[in-house]
Amino acid sequence: MSNKSFKDKKTEYRKSLIKPNSELLKYDEWAPKQIENRQRELADIALKIWN
């Protein structure tokens, strides 16, 4: 899927049973701002798990 558009990827994410993948559906686009937000969210989750 790496070369597909984000819109096409979202179609596949809808099928995913993996929660972090399905959470990507909340984004309308995948640009630097969204990527930074996503990194922050994942870092927060990681800190909660490993602390």
N, C-alpha and C. Protein backbone atom coordinates (compact mmCIF):
# COMPACT_ATOMS: atom_id res chain seq x y z
N MET A 1 0.80 -1.19 0.00
CA MET A 1 0.00 0.00 0.00
C MET A 1 0.85 1.26 0.00
N SER A 2 2.14 1.13 0.10
CA SER A 2 2.99 2.30 0.29
C SER A 2 2.86 3.34 -0.82
N ASN A 3 2.54 2.94 -2.02
CA ASN A 3 2.44 3.89 -3.12
C ASN A 3 1.01 4.35 -3.41
N LYS A 4 0.06 3.85 -2.64
CA LYS A 4 -1.33 4.26 -2.85
C LYS A 4 -1.60 5.61 -2.19
N SER A 5 -2.65 6.26 -2.66
CA SER A 5 -3.04 7.54 -2.05
C SER A 5 -3.60 7.27 -0.65
N PHE A 6 -3.61 8.30 0.17
CA PHE A 6 -4.14 8.13 1.53
C PHE A 6 -5.62 7.74 1.47
N LYS A 7 -6.34 8.27 0.52
CA LYS A 7 -7.75 7.92 0.35
C LYS A 7 -7.91 6.42 0.11
N ASP A 8 -7.07 5.86 -0.75
CA ASP A 8 -7.13 4.42 -1.03
C ASP A 8 -6.72 3.60 0.20
N LYS A 9 -5.75 4.09 0.92
CA LYS A 9 -5.30 3.39 2.13
C LYS A 9 -6.40 3.36 3.18
N LYS A 10 -7.16 4.46 3.28
CA LYS A 10 -8.24 4.51 4.27
C LYS A 10 -9.27 3.41 4.01
N THR A 11 -9.49 3.09 2.75
CA THR A 11 -10.41 2.00 2.42
C THR A 11 -9.93 0.70 3.05
N GLU A 12 -8.64 0.47 3.00
CA GLU A 12 -8.08 -0.75 3.60
C GLU A 12 -8.06 -0.65 5.13
N TYR A 13 -7.79 0.53 5.67
CA TYR A 13 -7.78 0.71 7.12
C TYR A 13 -9.14 0.39 7.73
N ARG A 14 -10.21 0.66 6.99
CA ARG A 14 -11.57 0.35 7.48
C ARG A 14 -11.74 -1.14 7.75
N LYS A 15 -11.00 -1.96 7.04
CA LYS A 15 -11.09 -3.41 7.18
C LYS A 15 -10.22 -3.94 8.32
N SER A 16 -9.33 -3.12 8.81
CA SER A 16 -8.33 -3.57 9.78
C SER A 16 -8.95 -3.82 11.15
N LEU A 17 -8.52 -4.89 11.77
CA LEU A 17 -8.91 -5.20 13.14
C LEU A 17 -7.90 -4.65 14.14
N ILE A 18 -6.84 -4.05 13.62
CA ILE A 18 -5.79 -3.48 14.46
C ILE A 18 -6.17 -2.04 14.79
N LYS A 19 -6.40 -1.77 16.06
CA LYS A 19 -6.93 -0.47 16.47
C LYS A 19 -6.08 0.71 15.99
N PRO A 20 -4.74 0.68 16.14
CA PRO A 20 -3.97 1.84 15.64
C PRO A 20 -4.18 2.11 14.15
N ASN A 21 -4.41 1.08 13.37
CA ASN A 21 -4.68 1.29 11.95
C ASN A 21 -6.05 1.92 11.74
N SER A 22 -7.05 1.40 12.42
CA SER A 22 -8.40 1.93 12.23
C SER A 22 -8.53 3.36 12.76
N GLU A 23 -7.69 3.75 13.69
CA GLU A 23 -7.73 5.12 14.20
C GLU A 23 -7.27 6.14 13.16
N LEU A 24 -6.60 5.68 12.13
CA LEU A 24 -6.18 6.58 11.06
C LEU A 24 -7.36 7.12 10.26
N LEU A 25 -8.51 6.50 10.41
CA LEU A 25 -9.70 6.94 9.67
C LEU A 25 -10.15 8.33 10.08
N LYS A 26 -9.73 8.79 11.24
CA LYS A 26 -10.16 10.12 11.69
C LYS A 26 -9.47 11.25 10.92
N TYR A 27 -8.44 10.93 10.18
CA TYR A 27 -7.72 11.94 9.42
C TYR A 27 -8.28 12.06 8.00
N ASP A 28 -8.39 13.30 7.53
CA ASP A 28 -8.85 13.54 6.16
C ASP A 28 -7.69 13.56 5.17
N GLU A 29 -6.52 13.86 5.69
CA GLU A 29 -5.31 13.85 4.85
C GLU A 29 -4.15 13.37 5.70
N TRP A 30 -3.06 13.03 5.05
CA TRP A 30 -1.88 12.54 5.73
C TRP A 30 -0.70 13.40 5.30
N ALA A 31 -0.50 14.47 6.05
CA ALA A 31 0.53 15.46 5.76
C ALA A 31 1.38 15.62 7.02
N PRO A 32 2.45 16.40 6.96
CA PRO A 32 3.33 16.53 8.13
C PRO A 32 2.61 16.84 9.44
N LYS A 33 1.62 17.71 9.41
CA LYS A 33 0.90 18.05 10.65
C LYS A 33 0.21 16.82 11.24
N GLN A 34 -0.44 16.03 10.41
CA GLN A 34 -1.13 14.84 10.87
C GLN A 34 -0.14 13.78 11.37
N ILE A 35 0.96 13.67 10.68
CA ILE A 35 1.99 12.71 11.08
C ILE A 35 2.56 13.08 12.44
N GLU A 36 2.82 14.35 12.67
CA GLU A 36 3.32 14.81 13.97
C GLU A 36 2.30 14.53 15.07
N ASN A 37 1.03 14.80 14.80
CA ASN A 37 -0.02 14.50 15.78
C ASN A 37 -0.05 13.01 16.10
N ARG A 38 0.03 12.21 15.07
CA ARG A 38 0.00 10.76 15.24
C ARG A 38 1.20 10.29 16.06
N GLN A 39 2.37 10.83 15.80
CA GLN A 39 3.56 10.46 16.56
C GLN A 39 3.38 10.80 18.03
N ARG A 40 2.80 11.97 18.31
CA ARG A 40 2.54 12.37 19.69
C ARG A 40 1.58 11.41 20.38
N GLU A 41 0.52 11.05 19.67
CA GLU A 41 -0.46 10.12 20.23
C GLU A 41 0.18 8.77 20.55
N LEU A 42 0.98 8.26 19.63
CA LEU A 42 1.63 6.96 19.85
C LEU A 42 2.66 7.04 20.97
N ALA A 43 3.36 8.16 21.06
CA ALA A 43 4.33 8.34 22.15
C ALA A 43 3.63 8.37 23.49
N ASP A 44 2.48 9.03 23.57
CA ASP A 44 1.71 9.07 24.81
C ASP A 44 1.26 7.67 25.21
N ILE A 45 0.81 6.90 24.25
CA ILE A 45 0.38 5.53 24.52
C ILE A 45 1.56 4.70 25.02
N ALA A 46 2.70 4.85 24.35
CA ALA A 46 3.90 4.10 24.75
C ALA A 46 4.32 4.44 26.18
N LEU A 47 4.29 5.70 26.52
CA LEU A 47 4.66 6.11 27.87
C LEU A 47 3.72 5.51 28.92
N LYS A 48 2.45 5.46 28.61
CA LYS A 48 1.49 4.86 29.55
C LYS A 48 1.75 3.37 29.73
N ILE A 49 2.10 2.71 28.66
CA ILE A 49 2.35 1.26 28.72
C ILE A 49 3.65 0.95 29.47
N TRP A 50 4.70 1.70 29.19
CA TRP A 50 6.01 1.36 29.72
C TRP A 50 6.37 2.07 31.02
N ASN A 51 5.50 2.87 31.54
CA ASN A 51 5.79 3.51 32.84
C ASN A 51 5.13 2.77 33.96
